[in-house]
Protein backbone atom coordinates (compact mmCIF):
# COMPACT_ATOMS: atom_id res chain seq x y z
CA MET A 1 26.63 -49.13 -37.43
CA GLY A 2 27.94 -50.40 -34.08
CA ARG A 3 31.44 -50.91 -35.42
CA TRP A 4 31.42 -47.51 -37.06
CA LEU A 5 30.35 -45.98 -33.71
CA THR A 6 32.83 -47.83 -31.46
CA SER A 7 35.78 -47.44 -33.90
CA SER A 8 36.00 -43.65 -33.39
CA LEU A 9 36.22 -42.07 -29.97
CA GLN A 10 35.46 -38.79 -31.58
CA ARG A 11 32.13 -40.11 -33.02
CA LYS A 12 31.22 -41.87 -29.92
CA LEU A 13 31.92 -38.95 -27.63
CA SER A 14 30.17 -36.58 -30.08
CA ILE A 15 26.98 -38.55 -30.21
CA VAL A 16 26.95 -39.35 -26.59
CA ILE A 17 27.72 -35.76 -25.53
CA THR A 18 25.26 -34.40 -27.98
CA ALA A 19 22.43 -36.63 -26.76
CA SER A 20 23.33 -35.89 -23.11
CA MET A 21 23.18 -32.12 -23.86
CA ILE A 22 19.90 -32.24 -25.75
CA VAL A 23 17.89 -33.91 -22.91
CA PRO A 24 18.88 -31.40 -20.22
CA LEU A 25 18.17 -28.61 -22.61
CA LEU A 26 14.69 -29.94 -23.11
CA ALA A 27 14.14 -30.41 -19.43
CA LEU A 28 15.60 -26.84 -18.78
CA GLY A 29 13.35 -25.45 -21.34
CA LEU A 30 10.26 -27.10 -19.81
CA PHE A 31 11.28 -25.96 -16.33
CA ALA A 32 11.94 -22.38 -17.47
CA PHE A 33 8.50 -22.45 -19.17
CA LEU A 34 6.70 -23.67 -16.08
CA ILE A 35 8.52 -21.18 -13.79
CA SER A 36 7.82 -18.24 -16.16
CA SER A 37 4.23 -19.20 -16.35
CA ARG A 38 3.96 -19.33 -12.56
CA ILE A 39 5.78 -16.06 -12.26
CA THR A 40 3.39 -14.44 -14.77
CA GLU A 41 0.36 -15.58 -12.66
CA GLN A 42 2.01 -14.42 -9.38
CA LYS A 43 2.95 -11.04 -10.79
CA THR A 44 -0.59 -10.48 -11.94
CA LYS A 45 -1.95 -11.40 -8.46
CA LEU A 46 0.56 -9.12 -6.68
CA SER A 47 -0.03 -6.12 -8.96
CA GLY A 48 -3.84 -6.86 -8.69
CA MET A 49 -3.71 -6.88 -4.84
CA ASP A 50 -1.78 -3.49 -4.91
CA THR A 51 -4.55 -2.19 -7.19
CA LEU A 52 -7.21 -3.33 -4.54
CA LYS A 53 -5.18 -1.70 -1.80
CA GLN A 54 -4.99 1.63 -3.70
CA VAL A 55 -8.80 1.55 -4.44
CA GLU A 56 -9.53 0.67 -0.86
CA ALA A 57 -7.58 3.64 0.38
CA ASN A 58 -9.51 5.92 -1.83
CA LEU A 59 -12.82 4.42 -0.76
CA ARG A 60 -11.91 4.63 2.88
CA TYR A 61 -11.08 8.30 2.57
CA MET A 62 -14.62 8.86 1.07
CA LEU A 63 -16.38 6.91 3.72
CA GLN A 64 -14.40 8.48 6.62
CA ASP A 65 -15.22 11.96 5.19
CA ALA A 66 -18.86 11.09 4.97
CA GLU A 67 -18.83 9.80 8.59
CA THR A 68 -17.08 12.94 9.79
CA LEU A 69 -19.49 15.13 7.85
CA SER A 70 -22.52 13.42 9.32
CA ILE A 71 -21.19 13.82 12.96
CA PHE A 72 -20.61 17.48 12.25
CA LEU A 73 -24.10 18.01 10.89
CA ILE A 74 -25.88 16.12 13.71
CA GLY A 75 -24.11 18.24 16.40
CA GLU A 76 -24.49 21.56 14.52
CA ARG A 77 -26.29 24.05 16.72
CA ASP A 78 -28.68 25.60 14.15
CA ILE A 79 -29.73 22.19 12.97
CA GLN A 80 -30.39 21.00 16.46
CA GLN A 81 -32.40 24.18 17.10
CA TYR A 82 -34.39 23.87 13.86
CA LEU A 83 -35.29 20.18 14.38
CA SER A 84 -36.14 20.63 18.03
CA SER A 85 -38.84 23.20 17.21
CA ASP A 86 -42.46 22.28 16.68
CA GLU A 87 -42.94 24.10 13.39
CA ASP A 88 -40.96 24.71 10.29
CA ASP A 89 -39.01 27.99 10.29
CA VAL A 90 -38.70 28.83 6.58
CA GLN A 91 -35.85 31.30 7.04
CA GLU A 92 -33.89 29.02 9.22
CA ARG A 93 -34.48 26.17 6.87
CA VAL A 94 -33.17 28.18 3.94
CA ASP A 95 -29.98 29.17 5.87
CA ILE A 96 -29.30 25.54 6.85
CA LEU A 97 -29.98 24.25 3.27
CA GLY A 98 -27.50 26.89 1.93
CA ARG A 99 -24.65 25.75 4.16
CA MET A 100 -25.52 22.03 3.41
CA THR A 101 -25.43 22.80 -0.33
CA ASN A 102 -21.97 24.38 0.04
CA LEU A 103 -20.73 21.32 1.86
CA ALA A 104 -22.11 18.93 -0.75
CA ALA A 105 -20.66 21.08 -3.65
CA SER A 106 -17.10 20.98 -1.98
CA LYS A 107 -16.96 17.25 -2.40
CA LYS A 108 -17.58 15.84 -5.85
CA TYR A 109 -18.33 12.30 -4.59
CA ILE A 110 -21.26 13.49 -2.41
CA ALA A 111 -24.53 13.32 -4.56
CA ASN A 112 -26.88 14.64 -1.87
CA ILE A 113 -27.26 15.67 1.82
CA ALA A 114 -30.75 15.39 3.17
CA ILE A 115 -32.33 15.97 6.59
CA TYR A 116 -35.76 14.62 7.51
CA PRO A 117 -37.43 16.33 10.51
CA GLU A 118 -39.33 14.09 12.89
CA ARG A 119 -41.90 16.62 14.11
CA PHE A 120 -43.05 18.20 10.88
CA ASP A 121 -42.92 17.42 7.11
CA ALA A 122 -40.29 19.71 5.64
CA ALA A 123 -37.46 17.70 4.21
CA LEU A 124 -34.14 19.57 3.45
CA SER A 125 -32.11 18.19 0.43
CA THR A 126 -29.28 19.59 -1.53
CA ALA A 127 -30.33 17.73 -4.63
CA THR A 128 -33.57 17.60 -6.57
CA TRP A 129 -34.58 13.95 -7.09
CA TYR A 130 -37.82 12.81 -8.59
CA GLU A 131 -39.99 10.25 -6.92
CA SER A 132 -38.90 6.76 -7.59
CA SER A 133 -40.68 3.48 -6.84
CA ASN A 134 -37.21 1.79 -6.11
CA VAL A 135 -36.53 3.66 -2.82
CA THR A 136 -38.36 5.13 0.13
CA TYR A 137 -37.01 8.34 1.79
CA PRO A 138 -35.31 8.23 4.05
CA PRO A 139 -33.84 4.90 2.94
CA ALA A 140 -33.56 3.52 6.50
CA PRO A 141 -36.83 2.49 8.38
CA ARG A 142 -38.07 4.95 10.90
CA GLY A 143 -37.60 2.44 13.65
CA ASP A 144 -33.91 1.93 13.15
CA ASP A 145 -31.95 3.39 16.01
CA VAL A 146 -28.47 3.20 14.57
CA LYS A 147 -26.61 4.42 11.50
CA ALA A 148 -26.49 2.28 8.44
CA TRP A 149 -25.31 2.25 4.76
CA THR A 150 -27.87 1.40 2.25
CA GLY A 151 -27.35 -0.71 -0.83
CA VAL A 152 -26.95 0.95 -4.21
CA TYR A 153 -30.23 2.23 -5.80
CA PRO A 154 -31.14 4.49 -8.70
CA VAL A 155 -32.42 8.05 -8.51
CA GLN A 156 -33.58 10.45 -11.21
CA ASN A 157 -32.62 14.05 -11.48
CA TYR A 158 -32.56 16.63 -14.21
CA ALA A 159 -29.51 14.88 -15.72
CA GLY A 160 -31.08 11.46 -15.79
CA ILE A 161 -30.58 8.29 -13.71
CA GLN A 162 -27.91 8.31 -11.04
CA ASN A 163 -26.87 5.44 -8.76
CA VAL A 164 -26.12 6.34 -5.16
CA ILE A 165 -25.17 4.56 -1.82
CA THR A 166 -26.66 6.40 1.27
CA LEU A 167 -25.43 6.62 4.90
CA VAL A 168 -28.47 7.10 7.04
CA ARG A 169 -28.31 7.88 10.76
CA PRO A 170 -30.81 9.23 13.26
CA ILE A 171 -30.49 12.81 14.72
CA ARG A 172 -31.04 13.02 18.46
CA SER A 173 -31.31 16.10 20.62
CA ILE A 174 -28.14 16.95 22.41
CA HIS A 175 -30.08 17.94 25.42
CA ASP A 176 -32.44 14.97 26.15
CA TYR A 177 -31.37 12.42 23.42
CA ARG A 178 -34.80 12.19 21.99
CA PRO A 179 -35.17 11.46 18.17
CA ILE A 180 -35.66 14.67 16.22
CA GLY A 181 -34.95 13.57 12.69
CA TRP A 182 -32.88 11.66 10.18
CA LEU A 183 -29.75 12.55 8.29
CA ALA A 184 -28.96 10.96 4.84
CA ILE A 185 -25.56 11.49 2.94
CA SER A 186 -25.58 9.93 -0.50
CA LEU A 187 -22.36 8.96 -2.40
CA ASP A 188 -22.27 8.89 -6.15
CA GLU A 189 -21.54 5.42 -7.34
CA LYS A 190 -19.92 6.81 -10.45
CA ALA A 191 -17.49 8.80 -8.41
CA ILE A 192 -16.60 5.83 -6.27
CA SER A 193 -15.69 3.73 -9.44
CA LYS A 194 -14.15 6.69 -11.29
CA GLY A 195 -10.58 5.79 -12.49
CA TRP A 196 -10.94 1.97 -11.88
CA ALA A 197 -10.58 1.24 -15.68
CA ALA A 198 -7.43 3.35 -15.90
CA LEU A 199 -5.81 1.17 -13.12
CA GLY A 200 -5.46 -1.62 -15.84
CA LEU A 201 -6.16 -4.62 -13.67
CA GLY A 202 -5.10 -7.73 -15.47
CA MET A 203 -3.63 -5.67 -18.45
CA GLY A 204 -7.06 -3.99 -18.84
CA GLU A 205 -8.99 -7.33 -19.05
CA GLY A 206 -9.92 -7.47 -15.33
CA ARG A 207 -12.98 -6.19 -13.53
CA LEU A 208 -13.11 -4.36 -10.26
CA GLU A 209 -16.35 -4.45 -8.01
CA LEU A 210 -17.43 -3.33 -4.49
CA ILE A 211 -19.57 -5.97 -2.71
CA GLY A 212 -21.79 -5.23 0.21
CA PRO A 213 -22.10 -7.34 3.41
CA THR A 214 -25.13 -9.27 2.08
CA GLY A 215 -23.49 -9.92 -1.37
CA GLU A 216 -25.13 -6.94 -3.16
CA ILE A 217 -22.88 -5.46 -5.89
CA LEU A 218 -22.62 -1.80 -4.75
CA SER A 219 -20.14 -0.57 -7.46
CA SER A 220 -18.69 -2.10 -10.65
CA MET A 221 -16.97 -1.24 -13.81
CA ASP A 222 -19.82 -3.21 -15.49
CA LYS A 223 -22.93 -0.92 -14.54
CA SER A 224 -25.34 -3.59 -15.61
CA ARG A 225 -24.34 -5.61 -12.59
CA LEU A 226 -25.20 -2.94 -10.04
CA GLY A 227 -27.65 -3.97 -7.37
CA GLN A 228 -27.56 -7.56 -8.30
CA SER A 229 -26.87 -10.30 -5.81
CA LEU A 230 -23.54 -11.96 -6.10
CA GLU A 231 -24.90 -15.10 -4.32
CA LYS A 232 -27.35 -15.60 -7.17
CA ILE A 233 -25.28 -14.80 -10.18
CA GLU A 234 -21.82 -16.04 -8.96
CA PRO A 235 -22.43 -18.16 -5.75
CA GLU A 236 -18.84 -19.56 -5.89
CA VAL A 237 -17.38 -16.02 -5.67
CA HIS A 238 -19.72 -15.08 -2.94
CA THR A 239 -18.63 -18.14 -0.86
CA LEU A 240 -14.91 -17.26 -1.45
CA ILE A 241 -15.03 -13.66 -0.23
CA GLN A 242 -16.80 -14.69 2.97
CA GLN A 243 -13.42 -15.80 4.29
CA GLU A 244 -11.69 -13.35 6.71
CA GLY A 245 -8.95 -11.04 5.41
CA SER A 246 -7.75 -10.65 1.88
CA GLY A 247 -6.51 -13.29 -0.65
CA THR A 248 -6.74 -14.77 -4.08
CA ALA A 249 -8.38 -17.74 -5.49
CA THR A 250 -9.14 -19.56 -8.82
CA TYR A 251 -12.63 -20.54 -9.80
CA ASP A 252 -14.73 -22.03 -12.67
CA SER A 253 -12.85 -24.17 -15.34
CA GLY A 254 -12.14 -24.29 -18.97
CA ASP A 255 -12.70 -21.13 -20.96
CA GLU A 256 -14.60 -19.59 -17.95
CA LYS A 257 -11.65 -20.02 -15.56
CA ARG A 258 -10.83 -16.77 -13.70
CA THR A 259 -8.56 -15.53 -10.93
CA LEU A 260 -10.30 -13.90 -8.09
CA LEU A 261 -8.71 -11.20 -5.79
CA TYR A 262 -10.50 -9.92 -2.69
CA TYR A 263 -9.75 -7.23 -0.12
CA PRO A 264 -12.00 -6.11 2.83
CA GLU A 265 -13.09 -2.61 3.60
CA LEU A 266 -13.08 -2.71 7.43
CA LEU A 267 -15.11 0.37 8.12
CA THR A 268 -18.31 -0.96 6.42
CA ASP A 269 -17.73 -4.74 6.04
CA TRP A 270 -17.76 -4.14 2.28
CA THR A 271 -15.34 -6.13 0.08
CA LEU A 272 -13.31 -5.09 -3.02
CA THR A 273 -12.98 -7.77 -5.63
CA GLY A 274 -11.00 -8.08 -8.87
CA THR A 275 -11.44 -10.79 -11.46
CA VAL A 276 -8.83 -11.61 -14.16
CA PRO A 277 -9.63 -14.00 -17.04
CA TYR A 278 -7.32 -16.94 -17.25
CA ASP A 279 -6.97 -16.40 -21.00
CA GLN A 280 -4.67 -13.50 -20.32
CA TYR A 281 -2.12 -16.02 -18.85
CA LYS A 282 -2.63 -18.32 -21.88
CA SER A 283 -1.58 -15.54 -24.36
CA GLU A 284 1.47 -14.59 -22.35
CA ASN A 285 2.50 -18.22 -21.71
CA GLY A 286 2.20 -18.97 -25.43
CA TYR A 287 4.68 -16.25 -26.17
CA ILE A 288 6.98 -17.70 -23.51
CA LEU A 289 6.56 -21.16 -24.93
CA ILE A 290 7.63 -20.11 -28.44
CA LEU A 291 10.74 -18.21 -27.05
CA THR A 292 11.69 -21.31 -24.94
CA ALA A 293 11.29 -23.71 -27.92
CA VAL A 294 13.35 -21.54 -30.15
CA ALA A 295 16.09 -21.07 -27.54
CA VAL A 296 16.24 -24.82 -26.81
CA THR A 297 16.35 -25.79 -30.50
CA LEU A 298 19.07 -23.24 -31.27
CA SER A 299 21.05 -24.32 -28.27
CA ALA A 300 20.80 -27.98 -29.21
CA ALA A 301 21.82 -27.40 -32.75
CA ILE A 302 24.79 -25.16 -31.91
CA SER A 303 25.89 -27.68 -29.17
CA ALA A 304 25.86 -30.65 -31.55
CA GLY A 305 28.04 -28.75 -34.18
CA LEU A 306 30.46 -27.64 -31.59
CA VAL A 307 30.86 -31.04 -29.95
CA TRP A 308 31.53 -32.68 -33.31
CA PHE A 309 34.11 -30.17 -34.27
CA THR A 310 35.97 -29.66 -31.02
CA VAL A 311 35.61 -32.92 -29.09
CA ARG A 312 39.26 -34.07 -29.76
CA ARG A 313 40.80 -30.91 -28.41
CA VAL A 314 38.21 -30.32 -25.79
CA THR A 315 38.58 -33.59 -23.87
CA LYS A 316 41.60 -32.59 -21.77
CA PRO A 317 40.70 -28.85 -21.17
CA LEU A 318 37.24 -29.93 -20.32
CA ARG A 319 38.52 -31.89 -17.31
CA VAL A 320 40.11 -28.71 -16.11
CA LEU A 321 36.96 -26.68 -16.75
CA THR A 322 34.87 -29.36 -15.12
CA LYS A 323 37.13 -29.25 -12.06
CA HIS A 324 36.76 -25.46 -11.86
CA LEU A 325 33.00 -25.63 -12.31
CA SER A 326 32.68 -28.34 -9.66
CA ARG A 327 34.32 -25.98 -7.13
CA MET A 328 32.21 -23.02 -8.17
CA ASP A 329 30.87 -21.02 -5.26
CA PRO A 330 28.01 -18.62 -5.94
CA ASP A 331 29.53 -16.18 -3.36
CA ARG A 332 33.02 -16.13 -4.96
CA PRO A 333 34.36 -15.32 -8.44
CA LEU A 334 34.81 -18.11 -10.92
CA PRO A 335 38.32 -19.72 -10.74
CA LEU A 336 40.71 -18.51 -13.49
CA PHE A 337 41.34 -20.89 -16.39
CA LEU A 338 44.93 -20.97 -17.53
CA SER A 339 45.42 -21.95 -21.22
CA GLU A 340 48.73 -22.82 -22.97
CA SER A 341 47.40 -22.62 -26.56
CA ASP A 342 46.04 -19.98 -28.74
CA ASP A 343 43.66 -22.16 -30.65
CA GLU A 344 39.92 -22.74 -30.02
CA ILE A 345 40.49 -24.33 -26.67
CA GLY A 346 42.59 -21.27 -25.60
CA LYS A 347 39.91 -18.92 -26.79
CA LEU A 348 37.29 -20.98 -24.96
CA GLY A 349 39.49 -20.60 -21.90
CA GLU A 350 39.59 -16.85 -22.39
CA SER A 351 35.92 -16.67 -22.93
CA TYR A 352 35.45 -18.61 -19.73
CA ASN A 353 37.60 -15.98 -17.92
CA LEU A 354 35.72 -13.13 -19.48
CA LEU A 355 32.37 -14.79 -18.43
CA GLY A 356 33.58 -14.91 -14.87
CA ALA A 357 34.56 -11.25 -14.94
CA HIS A 358 31.23 -10.35 -16.64
CA ILE A 359 29.20 -12.16 -14.03
CA GLU A 360 31.05 -10.32 -11.28
CA ARG A 361 30.33 -6.97 -13.02
CA LEU A 362 26.71 -7.99 -13.37
CA LYS A 363 26.49 -9.03 -9.67
CA GLU A 364 27.83 -5.62 -8.67
CA GLU A 365 25.44 -3.85 -11.08
CA VAL A 366 22.47 -5.88 -9.69
CA ILE A 367 23.45 -4.95 -6.06
CA ARG A 368 23.88 -1.28 -6.99
CA GLY A 369 20.53 -1.34 -8.91
CA GLU A 370 18.66 -2.92 -6.01
CA VAL A 371 20.15 -0.25 -3.63
CA ARG A 372 19.10 2.52 -6.02
CA LYS A 373 15.65 1.07 -6.44
CA LYS A 374 15.08 0.75 -2.69
CA GLU A 375 16.37 4.31 -2.18
CA ALA A 376 13.97 5.53 -4.97
CA ASP A 377 11.09 3.77 -3.15
CA LEU A 378 12.04 5.30 0.10
CA ARG A 379 12.23 8.72 -1.45
CA ALA A 380 8.78 8.25 -2.91
CA LEU A 381 7.43 7.33 0.49
CA GLN A 382 9.10 10.39 1.96
CA ALA A 383 7.58 12.62 -0.73
CA GLN A 384 4.09 11.30 0.16
CA ILE A 385 4.81 12.21 3.84
CA ASN A 386 1.93 10.75 5.64
CA PRO A 387 -1.45 10.74 3.90
CA HIS A 388 -3.38 10.30 7.17
CA PHE A 389 -1.56 13.29 8.76
CA LEU A 390 -2.15 15.48 5.71
CA TYR A 391 -5.79 14.54 5.42
CA ASN A 392 -6.52 15.02 9.06
CA THR A 393 -4.76 18.39 9.16
CA LEU A 394 -6.30 19.66 6.04
CA SER A 395 -9.71 18.50 7.17
CA SER A 396 -9.28 20.36 10.50
CA ILE A 397 -8.28 23.55 8.63
CA HIS A 398 -11.31 23.12 6.40
CA TRP A 399 -13.85 22.80 9.19
CA ILE A 400 -12.29 25.60 11.27
CA ALA A 401 -12.30 27.94 8.26
CA LEU A 402 -15.86 26.99 7.40
CA MET A 403 -17.45 27.21 10.82
CA SER A 404 -15.54 29.91 12.70
CA GLU A 405 -13.07 32.72 12.33
CA GLU A 406 -10.15 31.89 14.44
CA LYS A 407 -6.49 32.89 14.42
CA ARG A 408 -5.66 29.31 14.99
CA ILE A 409 -6.09 28.64 11.24
CA ALA A 410 -3.17 30.96 10.36
CA GLU A 411 -1.05 29.23 13.01
CA MET A 412 -1.89 25.74 11.76
CA VAL A 413 -1.25 26.60 8.16
CA GLU A 414 2.13 28.24 9.05
CA GLY A 415 3.12 25.15 11.04
CA LEU A 416 2.05 22.78 8.17
CA SER A 417 3.97 24.89 5.67
CA ASP A 418 7.17 24.83 7.70
CA PHE A 419 6.65 21.11 8.29
CA LEU A 420 6.39 20.43 4.52
CA ARG A 421 9.32 22.74 3.65
CA ILE A 422 11.71 20.88 6.14
CA SER A 423 10.28 17.51 4.96
CA LEU A 424 11.16 18.13 1.35
CA ASN A 425 14.69 19.67 2.24
CA GLN A 426 15.33 20.56 -1.52
CA GLY A 427 15.62 16.87 -2.23
CA ARG A 428 18.57 16.24 0.12
CA ASP A 429 18.62 13.11 2.22
CA TYR A 430 20.60 14.42 5.18
CA CYS A 431 20.09 17.38 7.45
CA PRO A 432 21.54 18.85 10.69
CA VAL A 433 20.27 17.49 13.93
CA GLY A 434 18.92 20.88 14.73
CA GLN A 435 16.82 21.08 11.60
CA GLU A 436 15.42 17.63 12.40
CA ILE A 437 14.33 18.87 15.87
CA ALA A 438 12.86 22.01 14.25
CA HIS A 439 10.95 19.73 11.92
CA ILE A 440 9.50 17.91 15.00
CA ARG A 441 8.56 21.13 16.65
CA HIS A 442 6.56 22.22 13.59
CA TYR A 443 4.89 18.82 13.64
CA VAL A 444 4.09 19.16 17.33
CA ARG A 445 2.93 22.62 16.84
CA VAL A 446 0.28 21.41 14.32
CA GLN A 447 -0.78 18.45 16.37
CA SER A 448 -1.12 20.51 19.47
CA ILE A 449 -3.81 22.54 17.74
CA ARG A 450 -5.67 19.43 16.70
CA PHE A 451 -5.34 17.87 20.17
CA PRO A 452 -5.07 20.72 22.72
CA ASP A 453 -3.78 19.89 26.22
CA LYS A 454 -3.39 16.22 25.27
CA PHE A 455 0.38 15.90 25.28
CA ALA A 456 3.67 17.63 26.08
CA VAL A 457 7.01 17.11 24.38
CA HIS A 458 10.34 17.49 25.99
CA TYR A 459 13.62 17.90 24.14
CA ILE A 460 16.97 16.78 25.58
CA VAL A 461 19.58 17.40 22.94
CA ASP A 462 23.25 17.71 23.27
CA PRO A 463 24.16 21.17 21.92
CA ALA A 464 27.31 19.80 20.39
CA LEU A 465 25.24 17.57 18.15
CA GLU A 466 22.95 20.18 16.67
CA GLN A 467 25.16 20.90 13.61
CA ARG A 468 26.06 17.34 13.04
CA MET A 469 24.43 15.66 9.98
CA MET A 470 21.81 12.84 10.18
CA LEU A 471 19.41 11.13 7.79
CA LYS A 472 16.21 13.24 7.61
CA LEU A 473 12.65 12.33 8.54
CA LEU A 474 13.80 9.72 11.08
CA LEU A 475 12.21 11.25 14.27
CA GLN A 476 8.71 12.30 12.89
CA PRO A 477 7.31 8.68 12.40
CA LEU A 478 8.59 7.73 15.88
CA VAL A 479 6.89 10.82 17.46
CA GLU A 480 3.72 10.23 15.48
CA ASN A 481 3.72 6.57 16.61
CA ALA A 482 3.99 7.73 20.22
CA MET A 483 1.18 10.25 19.86
CA ILE A 484 -1.27 7.95 18.11
CA HIS A 485 -0.64 4.65 19.71
CA GLY A 486 0.64 5.72 23.10
CA ILE A 487 -0.80 9.08 24.17
CA GLN A 488 -4.13 9.34 22.48
CA PRO A 489 -5.61 6.05 23.94
CA LYS A 490 -4.47 7.33 27.39
CA ALA A 491 -6.80 9.25 29.64
CA GLY A 492 -5.45 12.74 30.42
CA THR A 493 -2.31 14.44 29.30
CA GLY A 494 0.77 12.37 28.14
CA THR A 495 4.48 13.20 27.81
CA ILE A 496 6.81 12.46 25.03
CA THR A 497 10.61 12.82 25.52
CA ILE A 498 13.12 13.15 22.76
CA MET A 499 16.71 12.54 23.81
CA ILE A 500 19.78 12.78 21.56
CA ARG A 501 23.21 12.48 23.13
CA GLN A 502 26.75 11.44 22.22
CA GLU A 503 28.45 8.31 23.37
CA GLN A 504 32.03 7.91 21.99
CA GLU A 505 31.78 8.27 18.24
CA ARG A 506 28.09 7.42 17.87
CA MET A 507 24.83 9.40 18.28
CA ASN A 508 22.16 7.72 20.54
CA VAL A 509 18.53 8.73 19.82
CA LEU A 510 15.72 7.89 22.15
CA VAL A 511 11.91 8.63 21.88
CA LEU A 512 10.07 7.88 25.07
CA ASP A 513 6.37 8.18 26.00
CA ASP A 514 4.37 7.43 29.12
CA GLY A 515 1.26 6.21 27.09
CA VAL A 516 -0.70 2.95 27.38
CA GLY A 517 2.14 0.82 26.27
CA MET A 518 1.81 -2.66 24.59
CA GLU A 519 1.00 -6.27 25.47
CA LEU A 520 3.88 -8.66 25.12
CA ASP A 521 2.40 -10.46 22.10
CA ARG A 522 1.85 -6.97 20.35
CA LEU A 523 5.35 -5.96 21.07
CA GLU A 524 6.73 -9.17 19.58
CA HIS A 525 4.57 -8.62 16.49
CA VAL A 526 5.88 -5.03 16.13
CA ARG A 527 9.48 -6.32 16.48
CA SER A 528 9.05 -9.09 13.95
CA ASN A 529 7.47 -6.61 11.47
CA LEU A 530 10.51 -4.43 11.54
CA VAL A 531 12.60 -7.02 9.74
CA SER A 532 9.82 -9.01 7.87
CA LEU A 533 9.98 -9.14 4.06
CA ASP A 534 6.34 -10.10 3.71
CA GLU A 535 4.42 -7.06 2.48
CA GLU A 536 1.03 -8.60 3.12
CA GLU A 537 1.68 -8.45 7.01
CA HIS A 538 1.81 -4.67 7.14
CA HIS A 539 -1.72 -3.34 7.30
CA ASP A 540 -1.54 -1.11 10.38
CA SER A 541 0.02 2.40 9.86
CA SER A 542 2.26 2.16 13.06
CA GLY A 543 4.08 -1.01 11.98
CA TYR A 544 4.59 0.34 8.52
CA GLY A 545 6.01 3.69 9.67
CA LEU A 546 8.39 1.98 12.09
CA ARG A 547 9.49 -0.62 9.46
CA ASN A 548 10.15 2.25 6.99
CA VAL A 549 12.41 4.02 9.49
CA ASN A 550 14.21 0.75 10.27
CA GLU A 551 14.77 -0.02 6.55
CA ARG A 552 16.32 3.39 6.05
CA LEU A 553 18.53 3.13 9.06
CA LEU A 554 19.83 -0.32 7.83
CA LEU A 555 20.30 0.91 4.23
CA HIS A 556 22.30 4.05 5.25
CA TYR A 557 23.97 3.02 8.56
CA GLY A 558 24.18 -0.74 8.64
CA ALA A 559 22.83 -3.38 11.02
CA GLU A 560 24.19 -1.63 14.17
CA ALA A 561 21.65 1.31 13.57
CA GLN A 562 18.41 -0.79 13.64
CA LEU A 563 15.51 0.25 15.80
CA GLU A 564 15.05 -1.18 19.33
CA VAL A 565 11.51 -1.25 20.80
CA ASP A 566 10.58 -1.79 24.43
CA SER A 567 7.21 -1.41 25.94
CA ARG A 568 5.17 -2.18 29.02
CA VAL A 569 1.35 -2.13 29.55
CA GLY A 570 0.64 1.16 31.39
CA GLY A 571 4.28 2.05 31.42
CA GLY A 572 4.72 3.54 27.99
CA THR A 573 7.01 2.71 25.01
CA ARG A 574 10.65 3.30 24.29
CA ILE A 575 12.12 3.44 20.78
CA SER A 576 15.77 4.01 20.19
CA PHE A 577 18.62 3.66 17.60
CA SER A 578 22.29 4.57 17.37
CA ILE A 579 24.10 6.07 14.27
CA PRO A 580 27.53 7.25 13.54
CA ILE A 581 28.29 10.88 14.08
CA LEU A 582 28.85 12.68 10.71
CA GLU A 583 30.55 16.00 10.11
CA GLU A 584 28.63 16.49 6.82
CA SER A 585 26.23 14.50 4.64
CA PRO A 586 27.77 11.66 2.53
């Protein structure tokens, strides 16, 4: 056997090369399987955290709306007058109850609004709930002096059992601050968890839950778990979610092994959790393992046959190919292989050259695809505009329309309409500088109604630039950032200055405010977030808006157009950028 092997270079090379190819193929297959398995788990965690963020945003909107509604009702003149009297005024109670019923009916997630007078026994409630041994009304003790959210508890009405979570806060006289009653706003647990199953956490196998600060399960896709203590039924999960911030973890073992995702709701110290069974990874990894084994087996069989058939003629050309491959640079095209024959070796050389050209085309297509994807993401963000701005503006219009008849409503609606029209811009990405300034004026017009006498905006724009084209929706996030984080925390009236001027062949844009400014460490954090690739670092709306603008500038105008941020405590904030002057949109 040894003589037969050593007597033929073809056989020796064939066996040695075949063996040397099979081992790396097996290692590569194992490595690919391990990497694919890890990517599958990471993908599930990332998509799960995105799901939790989406649920938290919807929940935060409901909680903020309930807080706003409670403040409005506590300060309402007729309610104050009714609760301050010594006796129950039936007519006044009916009027107040009618308005409360309209407010509750306008928001599907509010199950009940109730007021409990301190001086007399005449509770006002928008819902008819039968007596229950599980809860005492109002849910908070009479001695409590602050607002509080209760845990989840069942109530019974004409439709059956309903689980609710209630915000309870004292009502005090606006004249002498003495207690005159209690206000309770109950949220429907079913409305809170509505749509969770459709989000498809863990390919539909996961479970979403809302956990209170004491570990009580406030809302869940599994209604049998409502009201139970997480510390008793799953103490390991309760310990994990006590850590600050959001994160992921793995708990239990064997068939009960699960992935835990948790995300805090900062307004109430509640925590959103998601659990995904580890069996989901096993099924996906089993499919990957089969594909990897088939690919490795086929590759090994094909390689052995080709080596035995072509080893004589491949020896010399392989040196050339090896030399080319050893000099391969990922940033450069593959070197050209020159063949002098038309046989299999020549065809292999031609295939090598075609492969190099194909790789270059694929690289270009990947780059173009990434650019298109990023552009689509940015357009989706632009289409959403700013949820906080829309919610606050529409909420203001709602309360003004509900409580008073004022011409400001028409003005605000008109300003918002113009703002949206210019924002959409018929799907075009570029607009004249004058239109971008008009867009800011409409935005300022709406904000000035919401915050009267709080700020003034000055425009210093070179008239020669008004018809020049620029990327749309660049200034509004900067002005909004100046208003919210610079002017609003400042006592008295603030000033925002927008300056657009020409310097040689570039357009310099500056947004300056005289607000509270930023500490040095906060300024450095904002600057680092502008270029950071870590999505988990961007929780505040200011950093996200500035980062979005910076990404669009880099994408469309290059590195020279990136944002520059300077700030000083008590001296305001300065944000600027410079872009090329365009005659018309690209």
